[in-house]
Amino acid sequence: MENALKKLNSKGVPITVDEIEHNCQRKKKRKGGCFGCGEKGHFMDSYPIIAKEEKKRRHKLKKKKKEQRERHKALVIIGKWVDVSSDEDYHKKHSHKPTSRKSSSTS
């Protein structure tokens, strides 16, 4: 096991024996039962207080993600608009209009 830990640590994965043991204990605790207390026979959603808090938390996360998506869409649209208007301004300033020159030709 120590060799495996050394390999992981050398690859930039900082992990200790205590962390592995803790994860194993958590898996045993919740296997086939409640994620909150680990007991069998019920699930976490049967705790009304926790379920209500979880529902509020999820609602806030959904709302926040929706706001972030809308903000991102707006920034993309504004960015495209700015790019287009910048291109138009550039072309107006740098357009090469033919000037009428009178050529003086001697015959």
C-alpha atoms as a PDB file:
ATOM      1  CA  MET A   1       0.000   0.000   0.000  1.00  0.00           C
ATOM      2  CA  GLU A   2       2.871   2.366   0.735  1.00  0.00           C
ATOM      3  CA  ASN A   3       4.228   1.884  -2.786  1.00  0.00           C
ATOM      4  CA  ALA A   4       0.855   2.843  -4.231  1.00  0.00           C
ATOM      5  CA  LEU A   5       0.750   5.957  -2.037  1.00  0.00           C
ATOM      6  CA  LYS A   6       4.272   6.923  -3.115  1.00  0.00           C
ATOM      7  CA  LYS A   7       3.293   6.557  -6.777  1.00  0.00           C
ATOM      8  CA  LEU A   8       0.191   8.694  -6.285  1.00  0.00           C
ATOM      9  CA  ASN A   9       2.114  11.338  -4.362  1.00  0.00           C
ATOM     10  CA  SER A  10       4.841  11.428  -7.011  1.00  0.00           C
ATOM     11  CA  LYS A  11       2.179  12.060  -9.665  1.00  0.00           C
ATOM     12  CA  GLY A  12       0.843  15.048  -7.743  1.00  0.00           C
ATOM     13  CA  VAL A  13      -2.003  13.315  -5.892  1.00  0.00           C
ATOM     14  CA  PRO A  14      -1.480  14.143  -2.213  1.00  0.00           C
ATOM     15  CA  ILE A  15      -3.143  11.375  -0.216  1.00  0.00           C
ATOM     16  CA  THR A  16      -2.441   9.714   3.124  1.00  0.00           C
ATOM     17  CA  VAL A  17      -3.315   6.381   4.722  1.00  0.00           C
ATOM     18  CA  ASP A  18      -5.679   8.189   7.114  1.00  0.00           C
ATOM     19  CA  GLU A  19      -7.654   9.625   4.196  1.00  0.00           C
ATOM     20  CA  ILE A  20      -8.023   6.191   2.624  1.00  0.00           C
ATOM     21  CA  GLU A  21      -9.193   4.668   5.923  1.00  0.00           C
ATOM     22  CA  HIS A  22     -11.639   7.539   6.460  1.00  0.00           C
ATOM     23  CA  ASN A  23     -13.138   7.041   2.990  1.00  0.00           C
ATOM     24  CA  CYS A  24     -13.511   3.292   3.593  1.00  0.00           C
ATOM     25  CA  GLN A  25     -15.287   3.932   6.900  1.00  0.00           C
ATOM     26  CA  ARG A  26     -17.670   6.409   5.250  1.00  0.00           C
ATOM     27  CA  LYS A  27     -18.510   3.905   2.518  1.00  0.00           C
ATOM     28  CA  LYS A  28     -19.229   1.183   5.081  1.00  0.00           C
ATOM     29  CA  LYS A  29     -21.333   3.577   7.150  1.00  0.00           C
ATOM     30  CA  ARG A  30     -23.623   4.623   4.315  1.00  0.00           C
ATOM     31  CA  LYS A  31     -23.754   1.408   2.311  1.00  0.00           C
ATOM     32  CA  GLY A  32     -27.410   0.589   1.722  1.00  0.00           C
ATOM     33  CA  GLY A  33     -28.743   3.201   4.085  1.00  0.00           C
ATOM     34  CA  CYS A  34     -29.127   6.843   4.885  1.00  0.00           C
ATOM     35  CA  PHE A  35     -26.462   9.250   3.623  1.00  0.00           C
ATOM     36  CA  GLY A  36     -27.013  11.366   6.741  1.00  0.00           C
ATOM     37  CA  CYS A  37     -26.618   8.844   9.558  1.00  0.00           C
ATOM     38  CA  GLY A  38     -25.740   5.592   7.767  1.00  0.00           C
ATOM     39  CA  GLU A  39     -28.602   3.596   9.269  1.00  0.00           C
ATOM     40  CA  LYS A  40     -30.522   1.170   7.110  1.00  0.00           C
ATOM     41  CA  GLY A  41     -34.261   1.331   6.670  1.00  0.00           C
ATOM     42  CA  HIS A  42     -34.626   4.953   5.666  1.00  0.00           C
ATOM     43  CA  PHE A  43     -33.066   7.552   3.433  1.00  0.00           C
ATOM     44  CA  MET A  44     -31.933  11.093   4.031  1.00  0.00           C
ATOM     45  CA  ASP A  45     -35.016  12.573   2.357  1.00  0.00           C
ATOM     46  CA  SER A  46     -37.165  11.158   5.168  1.00  0.00           C
ATOM     47  CA  TYR A  47     -35.695  13.751   7.538  1.00  0.00           C
ATOM     48  CA  PRO A  48     -38.079  16.671   7.016  1.00  0.00           C
ATOM     49  CA  ILE A  49     -35.730  19.381   8.301  1.00  0.00           C
ATOM     50  CA  ILE A  50     -32.773  18.233   6.229  1.00  0.00           C
ATOM     51  CA  ALA A  51     -34.958  17.678   3.172  1.00  0.00           C
ATOM     52  CA  LYS A  52     -36.394  21.197   3.434  1.00  0.00           C
ATOM     53  CA  GLU A  53     -32.936  22.744   3.804  1.00  0.00           C
ATOM     54  CA  GLU A  54     -31.623  20.659   0.905  1.00  0.00           C
ATOM     55  CA  LYS A  55     -34.539  21.744  -1.279  1.00  0.00           C
ATOM     56  CA  LYS A  56     -33.802  25.408  -0.506  1.00  0.00           C
ATOM     57  CA  ARG A  57     -30.111  24.912  -1.225  1.00  0.00           C
ATOM     58  CA  ARG A  58     -30.812  23.221  -4.556  1.00  0.00           C
ATOM     59  CA  HIS A  59     -33.260  25.962  -5.528  1.00  0.00           C
ATOM     60  CA  LYS A  60     -30.649  28.625  -4.785  1.00  0.00           C
ATOM     61  CA  LEU A  61     -28.050  26.744  -6.832  1.00  0.00           C
ATOM     62  CA  LYS A  62     -30.415  26.390  -9.795  1.00  0.00           C
ATOM     63  CA  LYS A  63     -31.275  30.080  -9.621  1.00  0.00           C
ATOM     64  CA  LYS A  64     -27.600  31.050  -9.409  1.00  0.00           C
ATOM     65  CA  LYS A  65     -26.676  28.811 -12.362  1.00  0.00           C
ATOM     66  CA  LYS A  66     -29.526  30.257 -14.425  1.00  0.00           C
ATOM     67  CA  GLU A  67     -28.360  33.798 -13.648  1.00  0.00           C
ATOM     68  CA  GLN A  68     -24.800  32.858 -14.624  1.00  0.00           C
ATOM     69  CA  ARG A  69     -26.006  31.381 -17.934  1.00  0.00           C
ATOM     70  CA  GLU A  70     -28.068  34.482 -18.706  1.00  0.00           C
ATOM     71  CA  ARG A  71     -25.142  36.767 -17.822  1.00  0.00           C
ATOM     72  CA  HIS A  72     -22.836  34.721 -20.043  1.00  0.00           C
ATOM     73  CA  LYS A  73     -25.303  34.856 -22.951  1.00  0.00           C
ATOM     74  CA  ALA A  74     -25.601  38.629 -22.566  1.00  0.00           C
ATOM     75  CA  LEU A  75     -21.830  39.056 -22.525  1.00  0.00           C
ATOM     76  CA  VAL A  76     -21.477  36.926 -25.648  1.00  0.00           C
ATOM     77  CA  ILE A  77     -24.116  38.976 -27.459  1.00  0.00           C
ATOM     78  CA  ILE A  78     -22.526  42.248 -26.328  1.00  0.00           C
ATOM     79  CA  GLY A  79     -19.111  40.956 -27.358  1.00  0.00           C
ATOM     80  CA  LYS A  80     -20.379  40.085 -30.827  1.00  0.00           C
ATOM     81  CA  TRP A  81     -22.078  43.468 -31.126  1.00  0.00           C
ATOM     82  CA  VAL A  82     -18.898  45.287 -30.082  1.00  0.00           C
ATOM     83  CA  ASP A  83     -16.828  43.257 -32.542  1.00  0.00           C
ATOM     84  CA  VAL A  84     -19.200  44.029 -35.402  1.00  0.00           C
ATOM     85  CA  SER A  85     -19.420  47.733 -34.598  1.00  0.00           C
ATOM     86  CA  SER A  86     -15.633  47.908 -34.198  1.00  0.00           C
ATOM     87  CA  ASP A  87     -15.204  46.286 -37.588  1.00  0.00           C
ATOM     88  CA  GLU A  88     -17.640  48.749 -39.143  1.00  0.00           C
ATOM     89  CA  ASP A  89     -15.839  51.708 -37.545  1.00  0.00           C
ATOM     90  CA  TYR A  90     -12.501  50.386 -38.737  1.00  0.00           C
ATOM     91  CA  HIS A  91     -13.745  49.953 -42.287  1.00  0.00           C
ATOM     92  CA  LYS A  92     -15.279  53.429 -42.319  1.00  0.00           C
ATOM     93  CA  LYS A  93     -12.016  55.001 -41.187  1.00  0.00           C
ATOM     94  CA  HIS A  94      -9.783  52.948 -43.434  1.00  0.00           C
ATOM     95  CA  SER A  95     -11.852  52.525 -46.543  1.00  0.00           C
ATOM     96  CA  HIS A  96     -10.023  53.432 -49.688  1.00  0.00           C
ATOM     97  CA  LYS A  97     -12.276  55.603 -51.729  1.00  0.00           C
ATOM     98  CA  PRO A  98     -11.033  56.398 -55.193  1.00  0.00           C
ATOM     99  CA  THR A  99     -10.218  60.044 -55.490  1.00  0.00           C
ATOM    100  CA  SER A 100     -10.876  61.820 -58.699  1.00  0.00           C
ATOM    101  CA  ARG A 101      -7.556  62.821 -60.105  1.00  0.00           C
ATOM    102  CA  LYS A 102      -7.261  64.647 -63.276  1.00  0.00           C
ATOM    103  CA  SER A 103      -4.470  63.194 -65.216  1.00  0.00           C
ATOM    104  CA  SER A 104      -2.430  65.645 -67.103  1.00  0.00           C
ATOM    105  CA  SER A 105      -1.566  64.036 -70.322  1.00  0.00           C
ATOM    106  CA  THR A 106       0.485  65.837 -72.851  1.00  0.00           C
ATOM    107  CA  SER A 107      -0.069  65.062 -76.433  1.00  0.00           C
END
